[in-house]
Amino acid sequence: MNTKTIEVISGSILEEQTSLTLVEICQSCHAPAETIIRLIEHGIISPIQGEKSKQWRFHQSALILADKALRLKRDLGINMAGVALALELLDEIDALRKRLDHLNPPDFS
């Protein structure tokens, strides 16, 4: 018997100048509003506009961060404070790698 494994990949197409509502982020991340609000409370994402949650608008990068944060929480089972710390450390590693690449460009000869 032959079995095939199919990997389903989902994503969202983001326009350059699009801002997102709380509802749109919730739908894209498959998460309730309470979970996204917890991301905001822990400083993982933040609205760029609006005083109340119904008026909030988020930069498209917030969707990427929210998705990454929720995957860390789900896959590693860490709390939101741990997720915030992990994301901060991942950003720092990325910045250090960029600095290192700038100091030592690859030699393709």
N, C-alpha and C. Protein backbone atom coordinates (compact mmCIF):
# COMPACT_ATOMS: atom_id res chain seq x y z
N MET A 1 0.83 -1.17 0.00
CA MET A 1 0.00 0.00 0.00
C MET A 1 0.88 1.24 0.00
N ASN A 2 0.63 2.14 -0.92
CA ASN A 2 1.37 3.39 -1.02
C ASN A 2 0.65 4.49 -0.26
N THR A 3 1.40 5.21 0.55
CA THR A 3 0.80 6.36 1.23
C THR A 3 1.58 7.60 0.85
N LYS A 4 0.85 8.67 0.67
CA LYS A 4 1.47 9.95 0.34
C LYS A 4 1.23 10.90 1.50
N THR A 5 2.26 11.68 1.79
CA THR A 5 2.14 12.71 2.80
C THR A 5 2.01 14.04 2.10
N ILE A 6 0.99 14.77 2.46
CA ILE A 6 0.77 16.08 1.88
C ILE A 6 0.92 17.11 2.97
N GLU A 7 1.81 18.06 2.74
CA GLU A 7 2.01 19.14 3.70
C GLU A 7 1.20 20.35 3.25
N VAL A 8 0.33 20.81 4.12
CA VAL A 8 -0.51 21.96 3.81
C VAL A 8 0.16 23.21 4.36
N ILE A 9 0.37 24.15 3.48
CA ILE A 9 0.99 25.42 3.87
C ILE A 9 -0.05 26.51 3.68
N SER A 10 -0.21 27.32 4.70
CA SER A 10 -1.16 28.43 4.58
C SER A 10 -0.41 29.73 4.79
N GLY A 11 -0.96 30.80 4.30
CA GLY A 11 -0.33 32.10 4.45
C GLY A 11 -1.30 33.20 4.10
N SER A 12 -0.84 34.40 4.28
CA SER A 12 -1.63 35.59 3.96
C SER A 12 -0.81 36.48 3.04
N ILE A 13 -1.45 37.02 2.05
CA ILE A 13 -0.78 37.97 1.17
C ILE A 13 -1.01 39.35 1.74
N LEU A 14 0.10 40.05 1.98
CA LEU A 14 0.03 41.37 2.58
C LEU A 14 0.43 42.43 1.56
N GLU A 15 -0.37 43.46 1.46
CA GLU A 15 -0.03 44.58 0.60
C GLU A 15 0.92 45.48 1.37
N GLU A 16 1.69 46.29 0.66
CA GLU A 16 2.71 47.11 1.31
C GLU A 16 2.15 48.09 2.32
N GLN A 17 1.07 48.75 2.05
CA GLN A 17 0.55 49.80 2.93
C GLN A 17 -0.67 49.37 3.72
N THR A 18 -0.93 48.11 3.83
CA THR A 18 -2.11 47.63 4.52
C THR A 18 -1.90 47.61 6.02
N SER A 19 -2.87 48.15 6.75
CA SER A 19 -2.88 47.97 8.19
C SER A 19 -4.01 46.99 8.50
N LEU A 20 -3.88 46.31 9.61
CA LEU A 20 -4.81 45.24 9.95
C LEU A 20 -5.59 45.59 11.21
N THR A 21 -6.82 45.11 11.27
CA THR A 21 -7.63 45.27 12.47
C THR A 21 -7.36 44.10 13.41
N LEU A 22 -7.85 44.22 14.63
CA LEU A 22 -7.73 43.13 15.59
C LEU A 22 -8.41 41.88 15.06
N VAL A 23 -9.57 42.04 14.46
CA VAL A 23 -10.32 40.90 13.91
C VAL A 23 -9.51 40.21 12.82
N GLU A 24 -8.87 40.98 11.96
CA GLU A 24 -8.08 40.39 10.87
C GLU A 24 -6.88 39.62 11.40
N ILE A 25 -6.23 40.16 12.42
CA ILE A 25 -5.09 39.43 13.01
C ILE A 25 -5.59 38.15 13.67
N CYS A 26 -6.70 38.24 14.37
CA CYS A 26 -7.28 37.04 15.01
C CYS A 26 -7.60 35.97 13.97
N GLN A 27 -8.21 36.36 12.88
CA GLN A 27 -8.57 35.41 11.83
C GLN A 27 -7.33 34.80 11.20
N SER A 28 -6.33 35.62 10.91
CA SER A 28 -5.12 35.11 10.26
C SER A 28 -4.33 34.18 11.17
N CYS A 29 -4.32 34.47 12.48
CA CYS A 29 -3.57 33.65 13.43
C CYS A 29 -4.40 32.51 14.03
N HIS A 30 -5.68 32.47 13.68
CA HIS A 30 -6.58 31.46 14.25
C HIS A 30 -6.54 31.51 15.77
N ALA A 31 -6.65 32.74 16.31
CA ALA A 31 -6.55 32.94 17.75
C ALA A 31 -7.67 33.87 18.20
N PRO A 32 -8.16 33.66 19.41
CA PRO A 32 -9.18 34.57 19.94
C PRO A 32 -8.58 35.94 20.28
N ALA A 33 -9.44 36.94 20.34
CA ALA A 33 -9.00 38.30 20.64
C ALA A 33 -8.25 38.38 21.97
N GLU A 34 -8.68 37.59 22.94
CA GLU A 34 -8.02 37.61 24.26
C GLU A 34 -6.55 37.23 24.14
N THR A 35 -6.25 36.29 23.29
CA THR A 35 -4.86 35.86 23.10
C THR A 35 -4.04 36.97 22.45
N ILE A 36 -4.59 37.62 21.45
CA ILE A 36 -3.88 38.71 20.78
C ILE A 36 -3.69 39.88 21.75
N ILE A 37 -4.69 40.14 22.58
CA ILE A 37 -4.57 41.20 23.58
C ILE A 37 -3.46 40.87 24.57
N ARG A 38 -3.30 39.62 24.91
CA ARG A 38 -2.18 39.22 25.79
C ARG A 38 -0.84 39.49 25.12
N LEU A 39 -0.76 39.30 23.80
CA LEU A 39 0.48 39.63 23.08
C LEU A 39 0.78 41.12 23.20
N ILE A 40 -0.27 41.93 23.13
CA ILE A 40 -0.12 43.38 23.26
C ILE A 40 0.33 43.72 24.68
N GLU A 41 -0.30 43.11 25.67
CA GLU A 41 0.04 43.38 27.07
C GLU A 41 1.49 43.04 27.39
N HIS A 42 2.05 42.05 26.70
CA HIS A 42 3.44 41.64 26.93
C HIS A 42 4.42 42.35 26.00
N GLY A 43 3.92 43.31 25.23
CA GLY A 43 4.78 44.11 24.37
C GLY A 43 5.30 43.39 23.14
N ILE A 44 4.67 42.28 22.79
CA ILE A 44 5.12 41.52 21.62
C ILE A 44 4.68 42.21 20.34
N ILE A 45 3.45 42.68 20.32
CA ILE A 45 2.94 43.49 19.21
C ILE A 45 2.28 44.72 19.82
N SER A 46 2.06 45.73 18.99
CA SER A 46 1.36 46.91 19.48
C SER A 46 0.62 47.57 18.33
N PRO A 47 -0.54 48.12 18.63
CA PRO A 47 -1.29 48.82 17.58
C PRO A 47 -0.59 50.11 17.20
N ILE A 48 -0.70 50.48 15.95
CA ILE A 48 -0.10 51.72 15.47
C ILE A 48 -1.13 52.85 15.47
N GLN A 49 -2.39 52.49 15.71
CA GLN A 49 -3.45 53.48 15.65
C GLN A 49 -4.62 53.00 16.48
N GLY A 50 -5.37 53.92 17.05
CA GLY A 50 -6.60 53.60 17.75
C GLY A 50 -6.45 53.59 19.25
N GLU A 51 -7.49 54.09 19.91
CA GLU A 51 -7.51 54.14 21.38
C GLU A 51 -8.15 52.88 21.97
N LYS A 52 -9.20 52.40 21.36
CA LYS A 52 -9.94 51.24 21.85
C LYS A 52 -9.72 50.07 20.90
N SER A 53 -9.94 48.87 21.42
CA SER A 53 -9.65 47.67 20.62
C SER A 53 -10.40 47.64 19.30
N LYS A 54 -11.61 48.19 19.25
CA LYS A 54 -12.37 48.21 17.99
C LYS A 54 -11.76 49.16 16.97
N GLN A 55 -10.94 50.10 17.44
CA GLN A 55 -10.32 51.08 16.56
C GLN A 55 -8.87 50.74 16.23
N TRP A 56 -8.33 49.73 16.90
CA TRP A 56 -6.92 49.40 16.70
C TRP A 56 -6.62 49.06 15.26
N ARG A 57 -5.46 49.52 14.80
CA ARG A 57 -4.91 49.13 13.51
C ARG A 57 -3.47 48.71 13.77
N PHE A 58 -3.04 47.66 13.11
CA PHE A 58 -1.71 47.11 13.30
C PHE A 58 -0.94 47.13 11.99
N HIS A 59 0.35 47.35 12.09
CA HIS A 59 1.22 47.22 10.93
C HIS A 59 1.26 45.75 10.54
N GLN A 60 1.48 45.49 9.28
CA GLN A 60 1.49 44.10 8.81
C GLN A 60 2.56 43.25 9.49
N SER A 61 3.63 43.87 9.96
CA SER A 61 4.66 43.11 10.65
C SER A 61 4.14 42.52 11.97
N ALA A 62 3.09 43.12 12.54
CA ALA A 62 2.49 42.59 13.77
C ALA A 62 1.91 41.20 13.52
N LEU A 63 1.40 40.96 12.32
CA LEU A 63 0.85 39.64 12.00
C LEU A 63 1.95 38.59 12.00
N ILE A 64 3.09 38.93 11.45
CA ILE A 64 4.22 37.99 11.41
C ILE A 64 4.70 37.70 12.83
N LEU A 65 4.84 38.74 13.63
CA LEU A 65 5.27 38.57 15.02
C LEU A 65 4.25 37.77 15.84
N ALA A 66 2.97 38.08 15.66
CA ALA A 66 1.93 37.36 16.40
C ALA A 66 1.94 35.88 16.04
N ASP A 67 2.08 35.58 14.77
CA ASP A 67 2.11 34.19 14.34
C ASP A 67 3.33 33.47 14.91
N LYS A 68 4.49 34.12 14.87
CA LYS A 68 5.70 33.53 15.42
C LYS A 68 5.57 33.30 16.92
N ALA A 69 5.00 34.30 17.62
CA ALA A 69 4.81 34.19 19.07
C ALA A 69 3.88 33.04 19.42
N LEU A 70 2.81 32.91 18.68
CA LEU A 70 1.84 31.85 18.98
C LEU A 70 2.41 30.46 18.67
N ARG A 71 3.26 30.39 17.65
CA ARG A 71 3.92 29.10 17.36
C ARG A 71 4.90 28.73 18.47
N LEU A 72 5.65 29.72 18.98
CA LEU A 72 6.56 29.46 20.09
C LEU A 72 5.79 28.97 21.31
N LYS A 73 4.69 29.64 21.60
CA LYS A 73 3.86 29.26 22.75
C LYS A 73 3.33 27.84 22.60
N ARG A 74 2.80 27.56 21.42
CA ARG A 74 2.21 26.25 21.16
C ARG A 74 3.27 25.14 21.12
N ASP A 75 4.34 25.37 20.37
CA ASP A 75 5.32 24.31 20.14
C ASP A 75 6.23 24.06 21.34
N LEU A 76 6.57 25.12 22.08
CA LEU A 76 7.48 24.97 23.20
C LEU A 76 6.79 24.99 24.56
N GLY A 77 5.51 25.38 24.56
CA GLY A 77 4.75 25.38 25.80
C GLY A 77 5.21 26.42 26.80
N ILE A 78 5.77 27.53 26.31
CA ILE A 78 6.23 28.57 27.23
C ILE A 78 5.15 29.64 27.39
N ASN A 79 5.22 30.37 28.50
CA ASN A 79 4.23 31.42 28.75
C ASN A 79 4.55 32.66 27.93
N MET A 80 3.66 33.66 28.01
CA MET A 80 3.81 34.86 27.18
C MET A 80 5.08 35.64 27.52
N ALA A 81 5.44 35.69 28.80
CA ALA A 81 6.68 36.38 29.17
C ALA A 81 7.88 35.67 28.54
N GLY A 82 7.86 34.36 28.53
CA GLY A 82 8.93 33.58 27.89
C GLY A 82 8.95 33.78 26.39
N VAL A 83 7.77 33.87 25.80
CA VAL A 83 7.68 34.13 24.35
C VAL A 83 8.29 35.49 24.03
N ALA A 84 7.94 36.51 24.83
CA ALA A 84 8.49 37.85 24.59
C ALA A 84 10.02 37.83 24.68
N LEU A 85 10.55 37.14 25.69
CA LEU A 85 12.00 37.04 25.86
C LEU A 85 12.63 36.29 24.69
N ALA A 86 12.02 35.18 24.28
CA ALA A 86 12.55 34.40 23.16
C ALA A 86 12.59 35.23 21.88
N LEU A 87 11.55 35.99 21.62
CA LEU A 87 11.52 36.83 20.41
C LEU A 87 12.59 37.92 20.47
N GLU A 88 12.78 38.48 21.65
CA GLU A 88 13.82 39.50 21.82
C GLU A 88 15.20 38.91 21.57
N LEU A 89 15.44 37.72 22.09
CA LEU A 89 16.73 37.07 21.89
C LEU A 89 16.94 36.67 20.43
N LEU A 90 15.88 36.21 19.77
CA LEU A 90 15.99 35.88 18.35
C LEU A 90 16.32 37.11 17.52
N ASP A 91 15.72 38.25 17.85
CA ASP A 91 16.04 39.51 17.16
C ASP A 91 17.50 39.90 17.38
N GLU A 92 17.96 39.72 18.61
CA GLU A 92 19.35 40.06 18.92
C GLU A 92 20.32 39.15 18.15
N ILE A 93 20.02 37.88 18.08
CA ILE A 93 20.85 36.94 17.31
C ILE A 93 20.89 37.35 15.85
N ASP A 94 19.73 37.72 15.31
CA ASP A 94 19.66 38.14 13.91
C ASP A 94 20.51 39.39 13.67
N ALA A 95 20.43 40.36 14.59
CA ALA A 95 21.22 41.58 14.46
C ALA A 95 22.71 41.28 14.53
N LEU A 96 23.11 40.38 15.44
CA LEU A 96 24.52 40.01 15.55
C LEU A 96 25.01 39.29 14.30
N ARG A 97 24.16 38.44 13.73
CA ARG A 97 24.54 37.75 12.48
C ARG A 97 24.74 38.75 11.35
N LYS A 98 23.85 39.74 11.28
CA LYS A 98 23.99 40.77 10.23
C LYS A 98 25.28 41.55 10.40
N ARG A 99 25.60 41.90 11.66
CA ARG A 99 26.86 42.61 11.91
C ARG A 99 28.05 41.76 11.53
N LEU A 100 28.01 40.48 11.87
CA LEU A 100 29.10 39.58 11.55
C LEU A 100 29.24 39.42 10.04
N ASP A 101 28.12 39.29 9.32
CA ASP A 101 28.17 39.18 7.86
C ASP A 101 28.73 40.45 7.24
N HIS A 102 28.42 41.59 7.84
CA HIS A 102 28.93 42.86 7.33
C HIS A 102 30.44 42.96 7.54
N LEU A 103 30.93 42.45 8.66
CA LEU A 103 32.35 42.50 8.96
C LEU A 103 33.15 41.47 8.16
N ASN A 104 32.52 40.34 7.88
CA ASN A 104 33.19 39.25 7.15
C ASN A 104 32.36 38.81 5.97
N PRO A 105 32.39 39.58 4.86
CA PRO A 105 31.59 39.19 3.70
C PRO A 105 32.08 37.86 3.13
N PRO A 106 31.17 37.07 2.57
CA PRO A 106 31.57 35.77 2.02
C PRO A 106 32.52 35.92 0.83
N ASP A 107 33.45 34.99 0.70
CA ASP A 107 34.41 34.99 -0.40
C ASP A 107 33.96 33.94 -1.40
N PHE A 108 33.47 34.40 -2.57
CA PHE A 108 32.94 33.49 -3.58
C PHE A 108 33.96 33.15 -4.67
N SER A 109 35.24 33.34 -4.39
CA SER A 109 36.26 33.07 -5.43
C SER A 109 36.60 31.62 -5.54
